[in-house]
Amino acid sequence: MMAPFPGEAGDRLLPPFIPFRFFLAASLFQVLAWLMLVIGAGDLAGFTGGLGPVLAAVHLLTLGVLAMVAMGASYQLLPIATRQSLVRVWPTRLSFWLMLFGIPALVAGLGGLGTVWLAVGTGLVSAGLLVFAALSVDNLRRAGSMPLVAAHGWAAMAALFGLVALGIALVVDFGTGFLVDRSAVVLIHMSVAAFGFMGFLVLGFSHVLIPMFALSRRLPAKAGWAHLWLGLAGLVVFSVGVLMQSTWLPLLGSVIGLAAISVYIGVMVVALKTAMRKRLGLAFVLIRTAWGLLGLSMVLGLILLLGVPVPNGAALFGFLLLAGWLLTFLMGVLQRIMPFLASMHAAGKGGKPPRLSELTPELPARVHAVCHFLALAIVAAGILLDATILIQAGALIGLVGALAFTLFAGLVAFRMARS
């Protein structure tokens, strides 16, 4: 039995400008993230927190790219997966504009331009994320199908509320210093953002998107529930351990998390082994690489928790986690989902729908992939060797790749409009 979108999915297609505006904005923020990393290259290897260009680059990536892609994709995919339309469409526009203006303001504050920028940016971004959470929660509570995807959605929304609260606390702490252990809160904030909010969305939607793109059989539900509960347990145990300043609880939580990831990757391997479509293209090179980098980042995290010395290990872990796993995975997914959505919208206008190949600009996608892989390898080497010139060179290559992806996204949107 195949696992595409439900047959009546076209009835729940949003106007194309809603998801595409998030995707196009994310493409531009990716350009800014790599540019900011070029500026802050000298601070990356030893980065452990603090205002400046590295922290600004991290939030351009996490909020500007990862969160914007997650919001745009969720607004379209959740109604299809849950078979429930959004109760209102206008809040999606509100959340977009709040994020679009809030992210630059927050990044300016994190870059060191002043607490006013921090306050304004935090308020706007928090409001945008909460609007997104409210729409998603309303959709999830009416969900009557795909319980596994819906459960991952609930977990992601719970994590989203947590990371917003932690983010506000960290911003307030810049001016007041009220947090007793700021470094512990920072670590939990990053973990909840990467493994909670983004992680559960990625794991949940993977059960829809990967079989759909690969034309494979439905995935084993028991394994899907297993990696959900293991992931939740691992995140909770790790966070509690960090708060308690325990030496063994964070390690236990990481081991549980690694088990969750192992189950998830095993499920994805089943999806590819049962795929009817064997030639999956460049997008799946990115997706497969992202799975490998996810496993590598978790192993590195365990090594660091065990006290094994790794040169600039904390910075390397963060880079592999955010730019290696999440950014690589989402860019691979966007290479497939943008032309797919464009084709569905074009088909809905009557006449013969364009083929996916006609909507997919191949050359910009190839340039992006090559530059992205080179950037990951060179920046990671620069972090290990504490070599600013390598980090800067890798970030410049990543910038070229991001520009190529922006061209890719723009051409897909243009071809959709023309069709």
Protein backbone atom coordinates (compact mmCIF):
# COMPACT_ATOMS: atom_id res chain seq x y z
CA MET A 1 0.00 0.00 0.00
CA MET A 2 1.51 3.34 -1.04
CA ALA A 3 1.75 6.40 1.16
CA PRO A 4 1.16 9.60 -0.77
CA PHE A 5 -0.87 12.47 0.56
CA PRO A 6 -4.52 11.61 1.12
CA GLY A 7 -6.56 11.66 -2.05
CA GLU A 8 -8.58 14.75 -1.18
CA ALA A 9 -5.45 16.71 -0.20
CA GLY A 10 -6.10 19.21 -2.96
CA ASP A 11 -9.18 20.38 -1.08
CA ARG A 12 -6.93 21.54 1.76
CA LEU A 13 -4.27 23.26 -0.32
CA LEU A 14 -3.60 26.73 0.99
CA PRO A 15 -3.14 29.66 -1.39
CA PRO A 16 0.38 29.14 -2.81
CA PHE A 17 1.74 32.43 -1.48
CA ILE A 18 1.34 31.22 2.13
CA PRO A 19 3.93 28.41 2.26
CA PHE A 20 6.07 29.94 -0.48
CA ARG A 21 6.54 33.25 1.32
CA PHE A 22 7.98 31.35 4.28
CA PHE A 23 10.26 29.31 2.00
CA LEU A 24 11.51 32.35 0.09
CA ALA A 25 12.15 34.28 3.31
CA ALA A 26 14.05 31.28 4.72
CA SER A 27 16.23 31.24 1.59
CA LEU A 28 17.16 34.89 2.14
CA PHE A 29 17.82 34.36 5.85
CA GLN A 30 20.15 31.49 4.95
CA VAL A 31 22.20 33.92 2.87
CA LEU A 32 22.39 36.29 5.85
CA ALA A 33 23.32 33.44 8.23
CA TRP A 34 26.34 32.41 6.17
CA LEU A 35 27.30 36.08 5.69
CA MET A 36 27.17 36.66 9.44
CA LEU A 37 29.32 33.57 9.96
CA VAL A 38 31.90 35.04 7.57
CA ILE A 39 31.96 38.15 9.76
CA GLY A 40 32.21 36.19 13.00
CA ALA A 41 34.53 33.43 11.75
CA GLY A 42 37.25 34.31 14.26
CA ASP A 43 34.90 33.74 17.21
CA LEU A 44 33.27 30.48 16.13
CA ALA A 45 35.78 27.82 17.23
CA GLY A 46 35.87 28.94 20.84
CA PHE A 47 32.26 30.11 21.02
CA THR A 48 30.45 29.25 24.23
CA GLY A 49 27.83 32.01 24.22
CA GLY A 50 27.60 35.77 24.48
CA LEU A 51 26.46 38.59 22.23
CA GLY A 52 28.14 39.00 18.88
CA PRO A 53 28.07 37.86 15.24
CA VAL A 54 28.20 34.13 16.04
CA LEU A 55 25.09 34.26 18.23
CA ALA A 56 23.43 36.39 15.54
CA ALA A 57 24.34 33.79 12.88
CA VAL A 58 22.96 30.97 15.06
CA HIS A 59 19.59 32.69 15.35
CA LEU A 60 19.49 33.65 11.68
CA LEU A 61 19.83 29.92 11.06
CA THR A 62 17.50 28.61 13.76
CA LEU A 63 14.73 31.22 13.51
CA GLY A 64 15.27 32.65 10.05
CA VAL A 65 15.77 29.37 8.20
CA LEU A 66 14.73 26.39 10.29
CA ALA A 67 11.68 27.90 12.02
CA MET A 68 10.45 29.68 8.88
CA VAL A 69 10.67 26.46 6.85
CA ALA A 70 8.95 24.54 9.66
CA MET A 71 6.12 27.08 9.82
CA GLY A 72 5.54 27.24 6.08
CA ALA A 73 5.66 23.46 5.71
CA SER A 74 3.48 22.80 8.76
CA TYR A 75 0.78 25.24 7.65
CA GLN A 76 0.41 23.19 4.47
CA LEU A 77 1.27 19.67 5.62
CA LEU A 78 -0.56 19.46 8.94
CA PRO A 79 -4.03 20.04 7.41
CA ILE A 80 -3.26 17.35 4.83
CA ALA A 81 -1.87 14.88 7.39
CA THR A 82 -4.67 15.44 9.92
CA ARG A 83 -7.44 15.82 7.27
CA GLN A 84 -8.51 19.05 8.99
CA SER A 85 -8.35 22.46 7.32
CA LEU A 86 -6.93 25.47 9.16
CA VAL A 87 -9.73 27.24 11.01
CA ARG A 88 -8.48 30.62 9.70
CA VAL A 89 -5.93 31.58 7.06
CA TRP A 90 -5.23 35.19 8.02
CA PRO A 91 -3.22 34.29 11.18
CA THR A 92 -0.66 32.61 8.91
CA ARG A 93 -0.02 35.99 7.33
CA LEU A 94 0.22 37.61 10.77
CA SER A 95 2.77 35.07 11.97
CA PHE A 96 4.84 35.60 8.82
CA TRP A 97 5.07 39.37 9.20
CA LEU A 98 5.80 39.10 12.92
CA MET A 99 8.70 36.76 12.16
CA LEU A 100 9.90 38.71 9.13
CA PHE A 101 10.29 41.94 11.13
CA GLY A 102 11.10 40.29 14.45
CA ILE A 103 14.04 38.14 13.34
CA PRO A 104 16.20 41.04 12.00
CA ALA A 105 15.45 43.08 15.14
CA LEU A 106 16.37 40.17 17.43
CA VAL A 107 19.50 39.40 15.42
CA ALA A 108 20.55 43.06 15.62
CA GLY A 109 20.23 42.89 19.39
CA LEU A 110 22.09 39.59 19.62
CA GLY A 111 24.79 41.07 17.43
CA GLY A 112 25.37 43.72 20.07
CA LEU A 113 23.40 46.72 18.82
CA GLY A 114 21.46 47.23 22.04
CA THR A 115 18.84 45.92 24.43
CA VAL A 116 16.00 47.79 22.70
CA TRP A 117 16.53 45.68 19.60
CA LEU A 118 16.61 42.56 21.77
CA ALA A 119 13.34 43.45 23.47
CA VAL A 120 11.50 44.36 20.27
CA GLY A 121 12.81 41.35 18.37
CA THR A 122 12.03 38.94 21.18
CA GLY A 123 8.48 40.25 21.48
CA LEU A 124 7.75 40.03 17.75
CA VAL A 125 9.35 36.60 17.26
CA SER A 126 7.67 35.15 20.36
CA ALA A 127 4.30 36.46 19.16
CA GLY A 128 4.86 34.96 15.68
CA LEU A 129 5.79 31.57 17.10
CA LEU A 130 2.82 31.58 19.48
CA VAL A 131 0.40 32.40 16.64
CA PHE A 132 1.86 29.44 14.76
CA ALA A 133 1.52 27.25 17.86
CA ALA A 134 -2.11 28.30 18.37
CA LEU A 135 -3.05 27.43 14.78
CA SER A 136 -1.20 24.13 14.98
CA VAL A 137 -2.73 23.14 18.33
CA ASP A 138 -6.21 23.93 17.03
CA ASN A 139 -5.57 21.73 13.99
CA LEU A 140 -4.09 18.91 16.06
CA ARG A 141 -7.01 18.81 18.51
CA ARG A 142 -9.39 18.20 15.59
CA ALA A 143 -7.17 15.57 13.99
CA GLY A 144 -8.89 12.30 13.31
CA SER A 145 -6.28 10.50 11.23
CA MET A 146 -2.55 9.85 11.16
CA PRO A 147 -2.29 9.70 14.96
CA LEU A 148 1.48 9.13 14.84
CA VAL A 149 2.10 12.35 12.90
CA ALA A 150 -0.34 14.22 15.17
CA ALA A 151 1.44 12.91 18.30
CA HIS A 152 4.76 14.19 16.99
CA GLY A 153 3.04 17.51 16.32
CA TRP A 154 1.79 17.70 19.93
CA ALA A 155 5.31 16.98 21.21
CA ALA A 156 6.76 19.66 18.92
CA MET A 157 4.21 22.25 20.09
CA ALA A 158 4.93 21.49 23.76
CA ALA A 159 8.63 21.97 23.03
CA LEU A 160 7.86 25.22 21.19
CA PHE A 161 6.14 26.72 24.24
CA GLY A 162 9.12 25.67 26.34
CA LEU A 163 11.76 27.14 24.07
CA VAL A 164 9.86 30.46 23.76
CA ALA A 165 9.73 30.73 27.56
CA LEU A 166 13.42 29.85 27.88
CA GLY A 167 14.35 32.29 25.11
CA ILE A 168 12.51 35.15 26.84
CA ALA A 169 14.24 34.27 30.11
CA LEU A 170 17.66 34.33 28.46
CA VAL A 171 17.01 37.72 26.85
CA VAL A 172 15.81 39.20 30.15
CA ASP A 173 18.90 37.77 31.82
CA PHE A 174 21.15 39.86 29.55
CA GLY A 175 19.99 42.95 31.42
CA THR A 176 19.23 41.59 34.88
CA GLY A 177 21.43 38.54 35.44
CA PHE A 178 18.64 36.83 37.37
CA LEU A 179 19.39 33.30 36.12
CA VAL A 180 21.38 31.27 38.63
CA ASP A 181 22.96 29.02 35.97
CA ARG A 182 22.70 30.70 32.57
CA SER A 183 24.83 28.08 30.80
CA ALA A 184 22.42 25.31 31.86
CA VAL A 185 19.43 27.26 30.54
CA VAL A 186 21.26 27.92 27.26
CA LEU A 187 22.00 24.20 26.85
CA ILE A 188 18.38 23.22 27.55
CA HIS A 189 17.12 25.97 25.23
CA MET A 190 19.25 24.65 22.38
CA SER A 191 18.29 21.03 23.06
CA VAL A 192 14.55 21.78 23.23
CA ALA A 193 14.77 23.84 20.03
CA ALA A 194 16.80 21.32 18.01
CA PHE A 195 15.61 17.97 19.34
CA GLY A 196 12.20 19.03 20.67
CA PHE A 197 10.52 21.54 18.38
CA MET A 198 12.41 20.91 15.13
CA GLY A 199 13.27 17.30 15.93
CA PHE A 200 9.73 16.08 16.53
CA LEU A 201 8.43 17.94 13.48
CA VAL A 202 11.13 16.34 11.33
CA LEU A 203 10.51 12.86 12.73
CA GLY A 204 6.74 13.15 12.39
CA PHE A 205 6.62 14.58 8.88
CA SER A 206 9.25 12.05 7.75
CA HIS A 207 6.56 9.38 8.06
CA VAL A 208 4.59 11.25 5.38
CA LEU A 209 7.16 12.89 3.15
CA ILE A 210 9.81 10.18 2.75
CA PRO A 211 7.37 7.41 1.69
CA MET A 212 5.56 9.89 -0.56
CA PHE A 213 8.68 11.03 -2.40
CA ALA A 214 10.18 7.54 -2.58
CA LEU A 215 6.87 5.79 -3.38
CA SER A 216 7.44 3.26 -0.61
CA ARG A 217 5.13 1.24 1.59
CA ARG A 218 3.63 2.63 4.75
CA LEU A 219 6.13 2.58 7.57
CA PRO A 220 5.84 0.41 10.71
CA ALA A 221 3.78 2.39 13.21
CA LYS A 222 5.22 0.61 16.26
CA ALA A 223 8.71 1.80 15.41
CA GLY A 224 7.37 5.30 14.86
CA TRP A 225 5.78 5.35 18.32
CA ALA A 226 8.99 3.93 19.76
CA HIS A 227 11.21 6.75 18.48
CA LEU A 228 8.62 9.30 19.65
CA TRP A 229 8.51 8.03 23.24
CA LEU A 230 12.25 7.42 23.37
CA GLY A 231 12.86 10.92 22.07
CA LEU A 232 10.55 12.47 24.65
CA ALA A 233 12.10 10.45 27.48
CA GLY A 234 15.62 11.31 26.38
CA LEU A 235 14.89 15.04 26.14
CA VAL A 236 13.19 15.16 29.56
CA VAL A 237 15.90 13.14 31.30
CA PHE A 238 18.66 15.22 29.71
CA SER A 239 17.01 18.54 30.62
CA VAL A 240 16.29 17.52 34.21
CA GLY A 241 19.86 16.29 34.56
CA VAL A 242 21.30 19.58 33.30
CA LEU A 243 19.10 21.54 35.74
CA MET A 244 20.14 19.29 38.62
CA GLN A 245 23.81 19.55 37.60
CA SER A 246 23.89 15.77 37.51
CA THR A 247 26.80 14.01 35.87
CA TRP A 248 24.96 10.85 34.82
CA LEU A 249 21.40 11.97 33.96
CA PRO A 250 22.42 14.02 30.89
CA LEU A 251 24.47 11.05 29.74
CA LEU A 252 21.50 8.71 30.23
CA GLY A 253 19.21 11.12 28.39
CA SER A 254 21.67 11.27 25.50
CA VAL A 255 21.87 7.46 25.32
CA ILE A 256 18.06 7.28 25.20
CA GLY A 257 18.06 9.99 22.53
CA LEU A 258 20.62 8.07 20.49
CA ALA A 259 18.36 5.01 20.71
CA ALA A 260 15.44 7.11 19.42
CA ILE A 261 17.52 8.33 16.50
CA SER A 262 18.68 4.79 15.72
CA VAL A 263 15.07 3.60 15.55
CA TYR A 264 14.11 6.59 13.37
CA ILE A 265 16.97 6.04 10.92
CA GLY A 266 16.09 2.35 10.81
CA VAL A 267 12.52 3.25 9.85
CA MET A 268 13.79 5.56 7.11
CA VAL A 269 16.05 2.79 5.77
CA VAL A 270 12.97 0.56 5.53
CA ALA A 271 11.22 3.32 3.56
CA LEU A 272 14.07 3.50 1.05
CA LYS A 273 14.43 -0.29 0.77
CA THR A 274 10.73 -0.68 -0.07
CA ALA A 275 10.74 2.29 -2.45
CA MET A 276 9.37 1.81 -5.95
CA ARG A 277 11.27 4.89 -7.08
CA LYS A 278 14.93 3.92 -6.97
CA ARG A 279 16.45 7.04 -8.51
CA LEU A 280 15.64 9.61 -5.88
CA GLY A 281 17.84 12.42 -7.12
CA LEU A 282 19.97 15.07 -5.48
CA ALA A 283 17.45 15.93 -2.76
CA PHE A 284 17.87 12.50 -1.20
CA VAL A 285 21.66 12.85 -1.24
CA LEU A 286 21.11 15.79 1.09
CA ILE A 287 18.53 13.92 3.17
CA ARG A 288 20.68 10.79 3.56
CA THR A 289 23.70 12.90 4.47
CA ALA A 290 21.59 14.72 7.08
CA TRP A 291 20.68 11.40 8.71
CA GLY A 292 24.36 10.52 8.94
CA LEU A 293 25.22 13.91 10.43
CA LEU A 294 22.41 13.51 12.96
CA GLY A 295 23.96 10.27 14.17
CA LEU A 296 27.45 11.79 14.14
CA SER A 297 26.36 14.81 16.19
CA MET A 298 24.73 12.56 18.80
CA VAL A 299 27.85 10.39 19.08
CA LEU A 300 29.97 13.52 19.46
CA GLY A 301 27.63 14.77 22.18
CA LEU A 302 28.04 11.50 24.09
CA ILE A 303 31.83 11.70 23.73
CA LEU A 304 31.83 15.21 25.16
CA LEU A 305 29.59 14.20 28.07
CA LEU A 306 32.01 11.36 28.87
CA GLY A 307 34.75 13.95 29.24
CA VAL A 308 36.77 12.91 26.20
CA PRO A 309 38.69 15.98 25.00
CA VAL A 310 37.72 17.12 21.50
CA PRO A 311 39.23 20.38 20.21
CA ASN A 312 36.48 23.01 20.32
CA GLY A 313 34.01 20.17 20.79
CA ALA A 314 31.06 22.31 21.93
CA ALA A 315 31.21 24.55 18.84
CA LEU A 316 31.66 21.53 16.56
CA PHE A 317 28.65 19.78 18.13
CA GLY A 318 26.43 22.83 17.63
CA PHE A 319 27.58 23.26 14.03
CA LEU A 320 27.01 19.60 13.12
CA LEU A 321 23.62 19.63 14.81
CA LEU A 322 22.22 22.83 13.28
CA ALA A 323 24.00 23.29 9.96
CA GLY A 324 24.84 19.61 9.48
CA TRP A 325 21.64 17.78 10.38
CA LEU A 326 18.74 20.22 10.38
CA LEU A 327 19.77 22.64 7.63
CA THR A 328 20.89 19.84 5.29
CA PHE A 329 17.69 17.87 5.86
CA LEU A 330 15.36 20.81 5.34
CA MET A 331 17.16 21.98 2.21
CA GLY A 332 16.80 18.46 0.78
CA VAL A 333 13.10 18.39 1.64
CA LEU A 334 12.54 21.85 0.12
CA GLN A 335 14.18 20.73 -3.12
CA ARG A 336 11.37 18.21 -3.45
CA ILE A 337 8.42 19.82 -1.74
CA MET A 338 8.58 23.22 -3.45
CA PRO A 339 8.25 21.82 -7.01
CA PHE A 340 5.68 19.31 -5.73
CA LEU A 341 3.45 22.00 -4.22
CA ALA A 342 3.96 24.18 -7.29
CA SER A 343 2.79 21.29 -9.49
CA MET A 344 -0.30 20.71 -7.33
CA HIS A 345 -1.25 24.38 -7.51
CA ALA A 346 -0.67 24.51 -11.24
CA ALA A 347 -2.78 21.36 -11.71
CA GLY A 348 -5.60 22.96 -9.75
CA LYS A 349 -5.92 25.70 -12.33
CA GLY A 350 -7.12 23.30 -15.01
CA GLY A 351 -5.43 22.07 -18.15
CA LYS A 352 -2.40 19.82 -18.30
CA PRO A 353 -0.27 20.23 -15.17
CA PRO A 354 3.48 20.81 -15.65
CA ARG A 355 5.84 17.98 -14.86
CA LEU A 356 7.98 18.23 -11.75
CA SER A 357 11.11 18.36 -13.91
CA GLU A 358 9.74 21.46 -15.63
CA LEU A 359 9.38 23.20 -12.25
CA THR A 360 12.75 22.11 -10.82
CA PRO A 361 15.80 24.26 -11.69
CA GLU A 362 18.55 21.63 -11.72
CA LEU A 363 21.69 23.78 -12.00
CA PRO A 364 21.06 26.01 -8.94
CA ALA A 365 20.17 22.90 -6.93
CA ARG A 366 23.45 21.22 -7.89
CA VAL A 367 25.50 24.33 -7.13
CA HIS A 368 23.82 24.63 -3.74
CA ALA A 369 24.44 20.98 -2.84
CA VAL A 370 28.13 21.04 -3.82
CA CYS A 371 28.75 24.32 -1.99
CA HIS A 372 26.77 23.17 1.06
CA PHE A 373 28.77 19.96 1.46
CA LEU A 374 32.07 21.79 0.95
CA ALA A 375 31.05 24.45 3.47
CA LEU A 376 30.15 21.85 6.11
CA ALA A 377 33.45 20.00 5.69
CA ILE A 378 35.67 23.09 5.62
CA VAL A 379 33.99 24.90 8.52
CA ALA A 380 34.05 21.72 10.63
CA ALA A 381 37.77 21.32 9.88
CA GLY A 382 38.32 24.97 10.76
CA ILE A 383 36.57 24.51 14.12
CA LEU A 384 38.68 21.43 14.95
CA LEU A 385 41.92 23.16 13.95
CA ASP A 386 40.91 26.56 15.36
CA ALA A 387 41.71 28.00 11.92
CA THR A 388 39.80 31.21 11.24
CA ILE A 389 40.84 31.25 7.58
CA LEU A 390 39.25 27.83 7.02
CA ILE A 391 36.03 28.81 8.80
CA GLN A 392 35.83 32.01 6.75
CA ALA A 393 36.53 30.17 3.49
CA GLY A 394 33.90 27.54 4.30
CA ALA A 395 31.34 30.18 5.24
CA LEU A 396 32.00 32.03 1.96
CA ILE A 397 31.36 28.79 0.05
CA GLY A 398 28.21 28.27 2.10
CA LEU A 399 27.16 31.81 1.15
CA VAL A 400 27.52 30.97 -2.55
CA GLY A 401 25.44 27.84 -2.00
CA ALA A 402 22.77 29.82 -0.16
CA LEU A 403 22.59 32.31 -3.04
CA ALA A 404 22.18 29.38 -5.44
CA PHE A 405 19.34 27.99 -3.33
CA THR A 406 17.66 31.39 -3.26
CA LEU A 407 17.80 31.37 -7.06
CA PHE A 408 16.35 27.84 -7.03
CA ALA A 409 13.45 28.88 -4.78
CA GLY A 410 12.77 32.02 -6.79
CA LEU A 411 12.71 30.12 -10.08
CA VAL A 412 10.30 27.51 -8.70
CA ALA A 413 7.95 30.28 -7.55
CA PHE A 414 8.27 32.06 -10.91
CA ARG A 415 7.60 28.89 -12.92
CA MET A 416 4.60 28.08 -10.72
CA ALA A 417 3.18 31.56 -11.34
CA ARG A 418 3.82 31.27 -15.07
CA SER A 419 2.11 27.86 -15.21
